[in-house]
Amino acid sequence: MNVVTRAVRSFGQFWWEFLIGDAPELFAATVVVVVLAILLRHHRDVAYVVVPLTTIVLLVASTLRAARRSRRGS
C-alpha cells in the first residue's frame, strides 16, 4: 500500500470510529432527526413538535436497548 492509500484509509477509519463508534444507533438516530428537520423546514409549527418528540423517542429506544444489552452481559 502506498502512503496516500494508507492515509486515506486511516482518515476514514478515524471518522468511522468517531461517528459510529460503539453506538451506531445513535448515529442513525441523528441522521434521521436531521433529515426530518430538513424535510419539515417549511412547516415550522409541525417541526417544533415532531423533531423533539422524535429525538426523545429515539433516545429512549437507544437507552432501553443499552440497558437490555447490559443486563444480558451481567
N, C-alpha and C. Protein backbone atom coordinates (compact mmCIF):
# COMPACT_ATOMS: atom_id res chain seq x y z
N MET A 1 0.84 -1.18 0.00
CA MET A 1 0.00 0.00 0.00
C MET A 1 0.88 1.24 0.00
N ASN A 2 0.51 2.20 -0.81
CA ASN A 2 1.31 3.42 -0.83
C ASN A 2 0.87 4.37 0.29
N VAL A 3 1.58 5.44 0.45
CA VAL A 3 1.36 6.38 1.55
C VAL A 3 -0.01 7.05 1.45
N VAL A 4 -0.41 7.44 0.26
CA VAL A 4 -1.69 8.12 0.08
C VAL A 4 -2.84 7.19 0.44
N THR A 5 -2.80 5.97 -0.03
CA THR A 5 -3.85 5.00 0.27
C THR A 5 -3.94 4.75 1.77
N ARG A 6 -2.80 4.60 2.42
CA ARG A 6 -2.77 4.37 3.86
C ARG A 6 -3.34 5.57 4.62
N ALA A 7 -3.00 6.77 4.16
CA ALA A 7 -3.50 7.99 4.82
C ALA A 7 -5.01 8.11 4.66
N VAL A 8 -5.52 7.84 3.47
CA VAL A 8 -6.96 7.91 3.24
C VAL A 8 -7.69 6.86 4.08
N ARG A 9 -7.15 5.66 4.13
CA ARG A 9 -7.76 4.59 4.92
C ARG A 9 -7.76 4.96 6.41
N SER A 10 -6.66 5.48 6.91
CA SER A 10 -6.58 5.88 8.32
C SER A 10 -7.55 7.00 8.62
N PHE A 11 -7.67 7.96 7.71
CA PHE A 11 -8.61 9.07 7.88
C PHE A 11 -10.04 8.55 7.93
N GLY A 12 -10.38 7.63 7.03
CA GLY A 12 -11.71 7.04 7.02
C GLY A 12 -12.00 6.24 8.27
N GLN A 13 -11.02 5.48 8.74
CA GLN A 13 -11.20 4.70 9.96
C GLN A 13 -11.40 5.61 11.17
N PHE A 14 -10.68 6.71 11.23
CA PHE A 14 -10.86 7.66 12.33
C PHE A 14 -12.29 8.18 12.36
N TRP A 15 -12.79 8.65 11.20
CA TRP A 15 -14.14 9.21 11.17
C TRP A 15 -15.19 8.15 11.43
N TRP A 16 -14.99 6.93 10.96
CA TRP A 16 -15.93 5.85 11.24
C TRP A 16 -16.01 5.61 12.75
N GLU A 17 -14.86 5.50 13.40
CA GLU A 17 -14.83 5.27 14.84
C GLU A 17 -15.39 6.46 15.60
N PHE A 18 -15.09 7.67 15.14
CA PHE A 18 -15.57 8.88 15.81
C PHE A 18 -17.08 9.02 15.70
N LEU A 19 -17.64 8.80 14.50
CA LEU A 19 -19.07 8.99 14.29
C LEU A 19 -19.90 7.77 14.70
N ILE A 20 -19.46 6.60 14.34
CA ILE A 20 -20.23 5.39 14.59
C ILE A 20 -19.87 4.82 15.96
N GLY A 21 -18.61 4.57 16.20
CA GLY A 21 -18.13 4.10 17.49
C GLY A 21 -18.85 2.88 18.01
N ASP A 22 -19.21 2.92 19.29
CA ASP A 22 -19.87 1.79 19.95
C ASP A 22 -21.38 1.82 19.82
N ALA A 23 -21.94 2.92 19.36
CA ALA A 23 -23.39 3.05 19.31
C ALA A 23 -23.85 3.52 17.92
N PRO A 24 -23.87 2.63 16.95
CA PRO A 24 -24.30 3.05 15.62
C PRO A 24 -25.75 3.52 15.57
N GLU A 25 -26.57 3.06 16.52
CA GLU A 25 -27.97 3.50 16.52
C GLU A 25 -28.09 4.99 16.83
N LEU A 26 -27.16 5.55 17.61
CA LEU A 26 -27.19 6.99 17.87
C LEU A 26 -26.82 7.79 16.63
N PHE A 27 -25.89 7.28 15.85
CA PHE A 27 -25.55 7.94 14.59
C PHE A 27 -26.74 7.90 13.63
N ALA A 28 -27.38 6.74 13.54
CA ALA A 28 -28.55 6.61 12.66
C ALA A 28 -29.68 7.52 13.15
N ALA A 29 -29.88 7.60 14.45
CA ALA A 29 -30.92 8.46 15.00
C ALA A 29 -30.64 9.93 14.69
N THR A 30 -29.38 10.31 14.78
CA THR A 30 -29.00 11.69 14.46
C THR A 30 -29.29 12.02 13.00
N VAL A 31 -28.97 11.09 12.13
CA VAL A 31 -29.24 11.29 10.70
C VAL A 31 -30.75 11.41 10.48
N VAL A 32 -31.54 10.57 11.13
CA VAL A 32 -33.00 10.62 10.99
C VAL A 32 -33.54 11.97 11.44
N VAL A 33 -33.09 12.45 12.59
CA VAL A 33 -33.59 13.73 13.12
C VAL A 33 -33.18 14.89 12.21
N VAL A 34 -31.96 14.88 11.72
CA VAL A 34 -31.52 15.96 10.83
C VAL A 34 -32.31 15.95 9.52
N VAL A 35 -32.50 14.78 8.94
CA VAL A 35 -33.28 14.68 7.69
C VAL A 35 -34.72 15.12 7.93
N LEU A 36 -35.29 14.72 9.06
CA LEU A 36 -36.66 15.12 9.39
C LEU A 36 -36.75 16.64 9.53
N ALA A 37 -35.77 17.25 10.17
CA ALA A 37 -35.76 18.70 10.32
C ALA A 37 -35.65 19.39 8.97
N ILE A 38 -34.84 18.84 8.09
CA ILE A 38 -34.70 19.43 6.75
C ILE A 38 -36.02 19.31 5.98
N LEU A 39 -36.65 18.14 6.07
CA LEU A 39 -37.91 17.94 5.34
C LEU A 39 -39.03 18.83 5.86
N LEU A 40 -38.98 19.15 7.15
CA LEU A 40 -40.05 19.96 7.76
C LEU A 40 -39.69 21.44 7.88
N ARG A 41 -38.64 21.88 7.20
CA ARG A 41 -38.17 23.25 7.36
C ARG A 41 -39.20 24.30 6.95
N HIS A 42 -40.11 23.94 6.07
CA HIS A 42 -41.13 24.90 5.63
C HIS A 42 -42.42 24.78 6.45
N HIS A 43 -42.45 23.83 7.34
CA HIS A 43 -43.63 23.61 8.20
C HIS A 43 -43.17 23.71 9.65
N ARG A 44 -42.78 24.90 10.06
CA ARG A 44 -42.17 25.09 11.37
C ARG A 44 -43.07 24.68 12.52
N ASP A 45 -44.37 24.95 12.43
CA ASP A 45 -45.27 24.58 13.52
C ASP A 45 -45.24 23.08 13.77
N VAL A 46 -45.22 22.32 12.69
CA VAL A 46 -45.15 20.85 12.81
C VAL A 46 -43.77 20.44 13.30
N ALA A 47 -42.73 21.06 12.77
CA ALA A 47 -41.36 20.69 13.13
C ALA A 47 -41.08 20.94 14.60
N TYR A 48 -41.66 21.99 15.18
CA TYR A 48 -41.43 22.29 16.60
C TYR A 48 -41.95 21.18 17.51
N VAL A 49 -42.88 20.40 17.02
CA VAL A 49 -43.42 19.29 17.81
C VAL A 49 -42.77 17.96 17.41
N VAL A 50 -42.70 17.70 16.12
CA VAL A 50 -42.27 16.40 15.62
C VAL A 50 -40.78 16.13 15.87
N VAL A 51 -39.93 17.10 15.63
CA VAL A 51 -38.48 16.87 15.78
C VAL A 51 -38.10 16.57 17.23
N PRO A 52 -38.54 17.36 18.23
CA PRO A 52 -38.20 17.00 19.61
C PRO A 52 -38.80 15.66 20.05
N LEU A 53 -40.04 15.38 19.65
CA LEU A 53 -40.64 14.09 20.02
C LEU A 53 -39.89 12.92 19.41
N THR A 54 -39.49 13.07 18.16
CA THR A 54 -38.70 12.02 17.51
C THR A 54 -37.37 11.83 18.22
N THR A 55 -36.74 12.92 18.60
CA THR A 55 -35.47 12.84 19.32
C THR A 55 -35.65 12.10 20.65
N ILE A 56 -36.69 12.43 21.38
CA ILE A 56 -36.94 11.78 22.67
C ILE A 56 -37.20 10.29 22.48
N VAL A 57 -38.04 9.94 21.51
CA VAL A 57 -38.35 8.53 21.27
C VAL A 57 -37.10 7.75 20.90
N LEU A 58 -36.27 8.31 20.03
CA LEU A 58 -35.05 7.61 19.62
C LEU A 58 -34.05 7.48 20.76
N LEU A 59 -33.93 8.49 21.60
CA LEU A 59 -33.02 8.40 22.75
C LEU A 59 -33.51 7.38 23.78
N VAL A 60 -34.82 7.35 24.03
CA VAL A 60 -35.37 6.35 24.95
C VAL A 60 -35.16 4.95 24.40
N ALA A 61 -35.41 4.77 23.11
CA ALA A 61 -35.20 3.46 22.49
C ALA A 61 -33.74 3.03 22.60
N SER A 62 -32.81 3.94 22.38
CA SER A 62 -31.39 3.63 22.49
C SER A 62 -31.02 3.27 23.93
N THR A 63 -31.56 4.00 24.89
CA THR A 63 -31.29 3.73 26.30
C THR A 63 -31.82 2.37 26.71
N LEU A 64 -33.04 2.04 26.29
CA LEU A 64 -33.61 0.74 26.61
C LEU A 64 -32.81 -0.39 25.98
N ARG A 65 -32.36 -0.18 24.77
CA ARG A 65 -31.54 -1.20 24.09
C ARG A 65 -30.23 -1.41 24.84
N ALA A 66 -29.60 -0.34 25.27
CA ALA A 66 -28.34 -0.45 26.01
C ALA A 66 -28.56 -1.13 27.36
N ALA A 67 -29.67 -0.81 28.03
CA ALA A 67 -29.97 -1.44 29.31
C ALA A 67 -30.20 -2.93 29.14
N ARG A 68 -30.90 -3.31 28.08
CA ARG A 68 -31.15 -4.71 27.79
C ARG A 68 -29.84 -5.44 27.53
N ARG A 69 -28.95 -4.80 26.77
CA ARG A 69 -27.65 -5.38 26.46
C ARG A 69 -26.80 -5.56 27.71
N SER A 70 -26.86 -4.58 28.62
CA SER A 70 -26.03 -4.67 29.83
C SER A 70 -26.58 -5.73 30.78
N ARG A 71 -27.90 -5.94 30.81
CA ARG A 71 -28.48 -6.99 31.65
C ARG A 71 -28.07 -8.37 31.15
N ARG A 72 -28.03 -8.53 29.85
CA ARG A 72 -27.61 -9.81 29.27
C ARG A 72 -26.15 -10.10 29.57
N GLY A 73 -25.33 -9.04 29.61
CA GLY A 73 -23.90 -9.21 29.84
C GLY A 73 -23.55 -9.50 31.29
N SER A 74 -24.45 -9.15 32.22
CA SER A 74 -24.18 -9.36 33.65
C SER A 74 -24.30 -10.79 34.07
